[in-house]
């Protein structure tokens, strides 16, 4: 997202989070800050869906979503 910062709190599940060139394990209780413009992706490695609480600043308007092929 090039117009929003993102704060993510993992509530359930686990997996790997890519932030820029770095990838790290995340799980229940992890808190992640994704600054605007940072390439990021989450890969769920739980047998069940992972659940997270995400806060966008400013409020997400859907206009800056970028997806990679």
PDB file of N, CA and C in Angstrom:
ATOM      1  N   UNK A   1       0.854  -1.162   0.000  1.00  0.00           N
ATOM      2  CA  UNK A   1       0.000   0.000   0.000  1.00  0.00           C
ATOM      3  C   UNK A   1       0.902   1.227   0.000  1.00  0.00           C
ATOM      4  N   UNK A   2       0.690   2.108  -0.940  1.00  0.00           N
ATOM      5  CA  UNK A   2       1.560   3.276  -0.996  1.00  0.00           C
ATOM      6  C   UNK A   2       0.968   4.500  -0.300  1.00  0.00           C
ATOM      7  N   UNK A   3      -0.257   4.380   0.217  1.00  0.00           N
ATOM      8  CA  UNK A   3      -0.888   5.515   0.889  1.00  0.00           C
ATOM      9  C   UNK A   3      -1.257   5.237   2.345  1.00  0.00           C
ATOM     10  N   UNK A   4      -0.978   4.041   2.823  1.00  0.00           N
ATOM     11  CA  UNK A   4      -1.389   3.658   4.174  1.00  0.00           C
ATOM     12  C   UNK A   4      -0.287   2.912   4.910  1.00  0.00           C
ATOM     13  N   UNK A   5      -0.122   3.194   6.196  1.00  0.00           N
ATOM     14  CA  UNK A   5       0.678   2.371   7.085  1.00  0.00           C
ATOM     15  C   UNK A   5      -0.252   1.276   7.620  1.00  0.00           C
ATOM     16  N   UNK A   6       0.324   0.178   8.059  1.00  0.00           N
ATOM     17  CA  UNK A   6      -0.473  -0.959   8.503  1.00  0.00           C
ATOM     18  C   UNK A   6       0.098  -1.515   9.799  1.00  0.00           C
ATOM     19  N   UNK A   7      -0.778  -1.748  10.767  1.00  0.00           N
ATOM     20  CA  UNK A   7      -0.416  -2.413  12.009  1.00  0.00           C
ATOM     21  C   UNK A   7      -1.233  -3.699  12.078  1.00  0.00           C
ATOM     22  N   UNK A   8      -0.560  -4.834  12.267  1.00  0.00           N
ATOM     23  CA  UNK A   8      -1.225  -6.136  12.286  1.00  0.00           C
ATOM     24  C   UNK A   8      -0.939  -6.820  13.616  1.00  0.00           C
ATOM     25  N   UNK A   9      -1.990  -7.324  14.256  1.00  0.00           N
ATOM     26  CA  UNK A   9      -1.855  -8.117  15.478  1.00  0.00           C
ATOM     27  C   UNK A   9      -2.386  -9.511  15.158  1.00  0.00           C
ATOM     28  N   UNK A  10      -1.524 -10.517  15.264  1.00  0.00           N
ATOM     29  CA  UNK A  10      -1.943 -11.894  15.002  1.00  0.00           C
ATOM     30  C   UNK A  10      -2.736 -12.413  16.199  1.00  0.00           C
ATOM     31  N   UNK A  11      -3.966 -12.821  15.946  1.00  0.00           N
ATOM     32  CA  UNK A  11      -4.843 -13.315  17.006  1.00  0.00           C
ATOM     33  C   UNK A  11      -4.841 -14.839  17.104  1.00  0.00           C
ATOM     34  N   UNK A  12      -4.693 -15.495  15.956  1.00  0.00           N
ATOM     35  CA  UNK A  12      -4.749 -16.961  15.919  1.00  0.00           C
ATOM     36  C   UNK A  12      -3.961 -17.452  14.714  1.00  0.00           C
ATOM     37  N   UNK A  13      -3.340 -18.590  14.863  1.00  0.00           N
ATOM     38  CA  UNK A  13      -2.604 -19.191  13.750  1.00  0.00           C
ATOM     39  C   UNK A  13      -1.144 -18.778  13.734  1.00  0.00           C
ATOM     40  N   UNK A  14      -0.456 -19.228  12.694  1.00  0.00           N
ATOM     41  CA  UNK A  14       0.953 -18.897  12.523  1.00  0.00           C
ATOM     42  C   UNK A  14       1.332 -19.027  11.057  1.00  0.00           C
ATOM     43  N   UNK A  15       2.467 -18.457  10.735  1.00  0.00           N
ATOM     44  CA  UNK A  15       2.955 -18.533   9.364  1.00  0.00           C
ATOM     45  C   UNK A  15       4.227 -17.726   9.216  1.00  0.00           C
ATOM     46  N   UNK A  16       4.438 -17.201   8.006  1.00  0.00           N
ATOM     47  CA  UNK A  16       5.630 -16.408   7.716  1.00  0.00           C
ATOM     48  C   UNK A  16       5.190 -15.093   7.084  1.00  0.00           C
ATOM     49  N   UNK A  17       5.838 -14.026   7.525  1.00  0.00           N
ATOM     50  CA  UNK A  17       5.540 -12.692   7.010  1.00  0.00           C
ATOM     51  C   UNK A  17       6.754 -12.168   6.270  1.00  0.00           C
ATOM     52  N   UNK A  18       6.537 -11.785   5.016  1.00  0.00           N
ATOM     53  CA  UNK A  18       7.598 -11.147   4.244  1.00  0.00           C
ATOM     54  C   UNK A  18       7.395  -9.650   4.349  1.00  0.00           C
ATOM     55  N   UNK A  19       8.456  -8.944   4.696  1.00  0.00           N
ATOM     56  CA  UNK A  19       8.425  -7.491   4.775  1.00  0.00           C
ATOM     57  C   UNK A  19       9.688  -6.998   4.096  1.00  0.00           C
ATOM     58  N   UNK A  20       9.522  -6.450   2.892  1.00  0.00           N
ATOM     59  CA  UNK A  20      10.678  -6.088   2.087  1.00  0.00           C
ATOM     60  C   UNK A  20      11.424  -7.346   1.687  1.00  0.00           C
ATOM     61  N   UNK A  21      12.730  -7.372   1.899  1.00  0.00           N
ATOM     62  CA  UNK A  21      13.548  -8.532   1.541  1.00  0.00           C
ATOM     63  C   UNK A  21      13.634  -9.546   2.678  1.00  0.00           C
ATOM     64  N   UNK A  22      13.041  -9.234   3.820  1.00  0.00           N
ATOM     65  CA  UNK A  22      13.141 -10.083   5.006  1.00  0.00           C
ATOM     66  C   UNK A  22      11.866 -10.911   5.193  1.00  0.00           C
ATOM     67  N   UNK A  23      12.038 -12.153   5.648  1.00  0.00           N
ATOM     68  CA  UNK A  23      10.892 -13.004   5.979  1.00  0.00           C
ATOM     69  C   UNK A  23      11.119 -13.564   7.370  1.00  0.00           C
ATOM     70  N   UNK A  24      10.053 -13.547   8.188  1.00  0.00           N
ATOM     71  CA  UNK A  24      10.200 -14.036   9.563  1.00  0.00           C
ATOM     72  C   UNK A  24       8.961 -14.805   9.989  1.00  0.00           C
ATOM     73  N   UNK A  25       9.123 -15.702  10.983  1.00  0.00           N
ATOM     74  CA  UNK A  25       7.959 -16.417  11.496  1.00  0.00           C
ATOM     75  C   UNK A  25       7.105 -15.486  12.355  1.00  0.00           C
ATOM     76  N   UNK A  26       5.795 -15.652  12.261  1.00  0.00           N
ATOM     77  CA  UNK A  26       4.854 -14.896  13.089  1.00  0.00           C
ATOM     78  C   UNK A  26       3.797 -15.854  13.612  1.00  0.00           C
ATOM     79  N   UNK A  27       3.198 -15.491  14.722  1.00  0.00           N
ATOM     80  CA  UNK A  27       2.167 -16.333  15.307  1.00  0.00           C
ATOM     81  C   UNK A  27       1.333 -15.530  16.286  1.00  0.00           C
ATOM     82  N   UNK A  28       0.473 -16.229  16.985  1.00  0.00           N
ATOM     83  CA  UNK A  28      -0.426 -15.605  17.947  1.00  0.00           C
ATOM     84  C   UNK A  28       0.340 -14.650  18.862  1.00  0.00           C
ATOM     85  N   UNK A  29      -0.111 -13.399  18.917  1.00  0.00           N
ATOM     86  CA  UNK A  29       0.530 -12.387  19.746  1.00  0.00           C
ATOM     87  C   UNK A  29       1.554 -11.541  19.012  1.00  0.00           C
ATOM     88  N   UNK A  30       1.954 -11.938  17.805  1.00  0.00           N
ATOM     89  CA  UNK A  30       2.905 -11.124  17.042  1.00  0.00           C
ATOM     90  C   UNK A  30       2.265  -9.802  16.659  1.00  0.00           C
ATOM     91  N   UNK A  31       3.056  -8.740  16.719  1.00  0.00           N
ATOM     92  CA  UNK A  31       2.610  -7.411  16.309  1.00  0.00           C
ATOM     93  C   UNK A  31       3.544  -6.952  15.206  1.00  0.00           C
ATOM     94  N   UNK A  32       2.976  -6.574  14.071  1.00  0.00           N
ATOM     95  CA  UNK A  32       3.766  -6.211  12.905  1.00  0.00           C
ATOM     96  C   UNK A  32       3.423  -4.797  12.457  1.00  0.00           C
ATOM     97  N   UNK A  33       4.439  -4.020  12.145  1.00  0.00           N
ATOM     98  CA  UNK A  33       4.238  -2.687  11.572  1.00  0.00           C
ATOM     99  C   UNK A  33       4.731  -2.722  10.135  1.00  0.00           C
ATOM    100  N   UNK A  34       3.867  -2.349   9.195  1.00  0.00           N
ATOM    101  CA  UNK A  34       4.215  -2.325   7.785  1.00  0.00           C
ATOM    102  C   UNK A  34       4.097  -0.875   7.313  1.00  0.00           C
ATOM    103  N   UNK A  35       5.224  -0.199   7.093  1.00  0.00           N
ATOM    104  CA  UNK A  35       5.141   1.189   6.639  1.00  0.00           C
ATOM    105  C   UNK A  35       4.624   1.268   5.206  1.00  0.00           C
ATOM    106  N   UNK A  36       3.961   2.362   4.894  1.00  0.00           N
ATOM    107  CA  UNK A  36       3.449   2.526   3.526  1.00  0.00           C
ATOM    108  C   UNK A  36       4.573   2.348   2.524  1.00  0.00           C
ATOM    109  N   UNK A  37       4.245   1.699   1.427  1.00  0.00           N
ATOM    110  CA  UNK A  37       5.217   1.467   0.368  1.00  0.00           C
ATOM    111  C   UNK A  37       6.048   0.208   0.531  1.00  0.00           C
ATOM    112  N   UNK A  38       5.982  -0.447   1.686  1.00  0.00           N
ATOM    113  CA  UNK A  38       6.780  -1.654   1.903  1.00  0.00           C
ATOM    114  C   UNK A  38       6.108  -2.863   1.257  1.00  0.00           C
ATOM    115  N   UNK A  39       6.874  -3.631   0.523  1.00  0.00           N
ATOM    116  CA  UNK A  39       6.369  -4.875  -0.052  1.00  0.00           C
ATOM    117  C   UNK A  39       6.153  -5.848   1.100  1.00  0.00           C
ATOM    118  N   UNK A  40       4.964  -6.478   1.157  1.00  0.00           N
ATOM    119  CA  UNK A  40       4.678  -7.394   2.249  1.00  0.00           C
ATOM    120  C   UNK A  40       3.712  -8.482   1.803  1.00  0.00           C
ATOM    121  N   UNK A  41       3.809  -9.639   2.476  1.00  0.00           N
ATOM    122  CA  UNK A  41       2.922 -10.762   2.181  1.00  0.00           C
ATOM    123  C   UNK A  41       2.939 -11.704   3.376  1.00  0.00           C
ATOM    124  N   UNK A  42       1.809 -12.345   3.648  1.00  0.00           N
ATOM    125  CA  UNK A  42       1.697 -13.325   4.717  1.00  0.00           C
ATOM    126  C   UNK A  42       1.395 -14.683   4.107  1.00  0.00           C
ATOM    127  N   UNK A  43       2.102 -15.716   4.587  1.00  0.00           N
ATOM    128  CA  UNK A  43       1.849 -17.090   4.155  1.00  0.00           C
ATOM    129  C   UNK A  43       1.403 -17.884   5.373  1.00  0.00           C
ATOM    130  N   UNK A  44       0.169 -18.332   5.356  1.00  0.00           N
ATOM    131  CA  UNK A  44      -0.392 -19.105   6.467  1.00  0.00           C
ATOM    132  C   UNK A  44       0.197 -20.513   6.470  1.00  0.00           C
ATOM    133  N   UNK A  45       0.691 -20.942   7.628  1.00  0.00           N
ATOM    134  CA  UNK A  45       1.202 -22.296   7.772  1.00  0.00           C
ATOM    135  C   UNK A  45       0.416 -23.071   8.826  1.00  0.00           C
ATOM    136  N   UNK A  46      -0.723 -22.528   9.222  1.00  0.00           N
ATOM    137  CA  UNK A  46      -1.606 -23.179  10.191  1.00  0.00           C
ATOM    138  C   UNK A  46      -2.531 -24.143   9.464  1.00  0.00           C
ATOM    139  N   UNK A  47      -2.997 -25.185  10.138  1.00  0.00           N
ATOM    140  CA  UNK A  47      -3.989 -26.065   9.515  1.00  0.00           C
ATOM    141  C   UNK A  47      -5.348 -25.373   9.372  1.00  0.00           C
ATOM    142  N   UNK A  48      -5.594 -24.351  10.170  1.00  0.00           N
ATOM    143  CA  UNK A  48      -6.838 -23.579  10.121  1.00  0.00           C
ATOM    144  C   UNK A  48      -6.529 -22.179   9.598  1.00  0.00           C
ATOM    145  N   UNK A  49      -7.552 -21.426   9.223  1.00  0.00           N
ATOM    146  CA  UNK A  49      -7.306 -20.045   8.797  1.00  0.00           C
ATOM    147  C   UNK A  49      -6.650 -19.235   9.928  1.00  0.00           C
ATOM    148  N   UNK A  50      -5.688 -18.405   9.568  1.00  0.00           N
ATOM    149  CA  UNK A  50      -5.078 -17.483  10.519  1.00  0.00           C
ATOM    150  C   UNK A  50      -6.018 -16.286  10.670  1.00  0.00           C
ATOM    151  N   UNK A  51      -6.010 -15.685  11.862  1.00  0.00           N
ATOM    152  CA  UNK A  51      -6.873 -14.536  12.137  1.00  0.00           C
ATOM    153  C   UNK A  51      -5.999 -13.402  12.656  1.00  0.00           C
ATOM    154  N   UNK A  52      -6.192 -12.216  12.094  1.00  0.00           N
ATOM    155  CA  UNK A  52      -5.412 -11.056  12.523  1.00  0.00           C
ATOM    156  C   UNK A  52      -6.306  -9.829  12.570  1.00  0.00           C
ATOM    157  N   UNK A  53      -5.906  -8.879  13.383  1.00  0.00           N
ATOM    158  CA  UNK A  53      -6.567  -7.583  13.481  1.00  0.00           C
ATOM    159  C   UNK A  53      -5.658  -6.604  12.749  1.00  0.00           C
ATOM    160  N   UNK A  54      -6.187  -5.895  11.745  1.00  0.00           N
ATOM    161  CA  UNK A  54      -5.384  -4.970  10.945  1.00  0.00           C
ATOM    162  C   UNK A  54      -5.925  -3.555  11.081  1.00  0.00           C
ATOM    163  N   UNK A  55      -5.012  -2.613  11.314  1.00  0.00           N
ATOM    164  CA  UNK A  55      -5.371  -1.199  11.424  1.00  0.00           C
ATOM    165  C   UNK A  55      -4.593  -0.432  10.361  1.00  0.00           C
ATOM    166  N   UNK A  56      -5.311   0.264   9.490  1.00  0.00           N
ATOM    167  CA  UNK A  56      -4.703   1.090   8.454  1.00  0.00           C
ATOM    168  C   UNK A  56      -4.752   2.553   8.878  1.00  0.00           C
ATOM    169  N   UNK A  57      -3.644   3.271   8.630  1.00  0.00           N
ATOM    170  CA  UNK A  57      -3.588   4.697   8.936  1.00  0.00           C
ATOM    171  C   UNK A  57      -3.060   5.428   7.714  1.00  0.00           C
ATOM    172  N   UNK A  58      -3.834   6.355   7.126  1.00  0.00           N
ATOM    173  CA  UNK A  58      -5.221   6.650   7.458  1.00  0.00           C
ATOM    174  C   UNK A  58      -6.126   5.471   7.089  1.00  0.00           C
ATOM    175  N   UNK A  59      -7.409   5.588   7.399  1.00  0.00           N
ATOM    176  CA  UNK A  59      -8.363   4.503   7.142  1.00  0.00           C
ATOM    177  C   UNK A  59      -8.241   4.010   5.699  1.00  0.00           C
ATOM    178  N   UNK A  60      -8.239   2.682   5.522  1.00  0.00           N
ATOM    179  CA  UNK A  60      -8.065   2.082   4.194  1.00  0.00           C
ATOM    180  C   UNK A  60      -9.252   2.409   3.295  1.00  0.00           C
ATOM    181  N   UNK A  61      -8.951   2.914   2.110  1.00  0.00           N
ATOM    182  CA  UNK A  61     -10.000   3.262   1.152  1.00  0.00           C
ATOM    183  C   UNK A  61      -9.987   2.349  -0.067  1.00  0.00           C
ATOM    184  N   UNK A  62      -9.077   1.370  -0.106  1.00  0.00           N
ATOM    185  CA  UNK A  62      -9.044   0.405  -1.195  1.00  0.00           C
ATOM    186  C   UNK A  62      -8.400   0.894  -2.472  1.00  0.00           C
ATOM    187  N   UNK A  63      -7.939   2.132  -2.505  1.00  0.00           N
ATOM    188  CA  UNK A  63      -7.434   2.686  -3.760  1.00  0.00           C
ATOM    189  C   UNK A  63      -5.941   2.476  -3.996  1.00  0.00           C
ATOM    190  N   UNK A  64      -5.215   1.940  -3.041  1.00  0.00           N
ATOM    191  CA  UNK A  64      -3.779   1.782  -3.281  1.00  0.00           C
ATOM    192  C   UNK A  64      -3.321   0.339  -3.185  1.00  0.00           C
ATOM    193  N   UNK A  65      -4.206  -0.586  -3.351  1.00  0.00           N
ATOM    194  CA  UNK A  65      -3.840  -2.011  -3.296  1.00  0.00           C
ATOM    195  C   UNK A  65      -3.042  -2.378  -4.537  1.00  0.00           C
ATOM    196  N   UNK A  66      -1.912  -3.021  -4.324  1.00  0.00           N
ATOM    197  CA  UNK A  66      -1.063  -3.467  -5.422  1.00  0.00           C
ATOM    198  C   UNK A  66      -0.851  -4.961  -5.264  1.00  0.00           C
ATOM    199  N   UNK A  67      -1.167  -5.711  -6.305  1.00  0.00           N
ATOM    200  CA  UNK A  67      -0.981  -7.163  -6.259  1.00  0.00           C
ATOM    201  C   UNK A  67       0.099  -7.549  -7.242  1.00  0.00           C
ATOM    202  N   UNK A  68       0.918  -8.509  -6.835  1.00  0.00           N
ATOM    203  CA  UNK A  68       1.972  -8.996  -7.707  1.00  0.00           C
ATOM    204  C   UNK A  68       1.530 -10.280  -8.371  1.00  0.00           C
ATOM    205  N   UNK A  69       2.007 -10.533  -9.569  1.00  0.00           N
ATOM    206  CA  UNK A  69       1.597 -11.762 -10.280  1.00  0.00           C
ATOM    207  C   UNK A  69       2.113 -13.018  -9.637  1.00  0.00           C
TER     208      UNK A  69
END
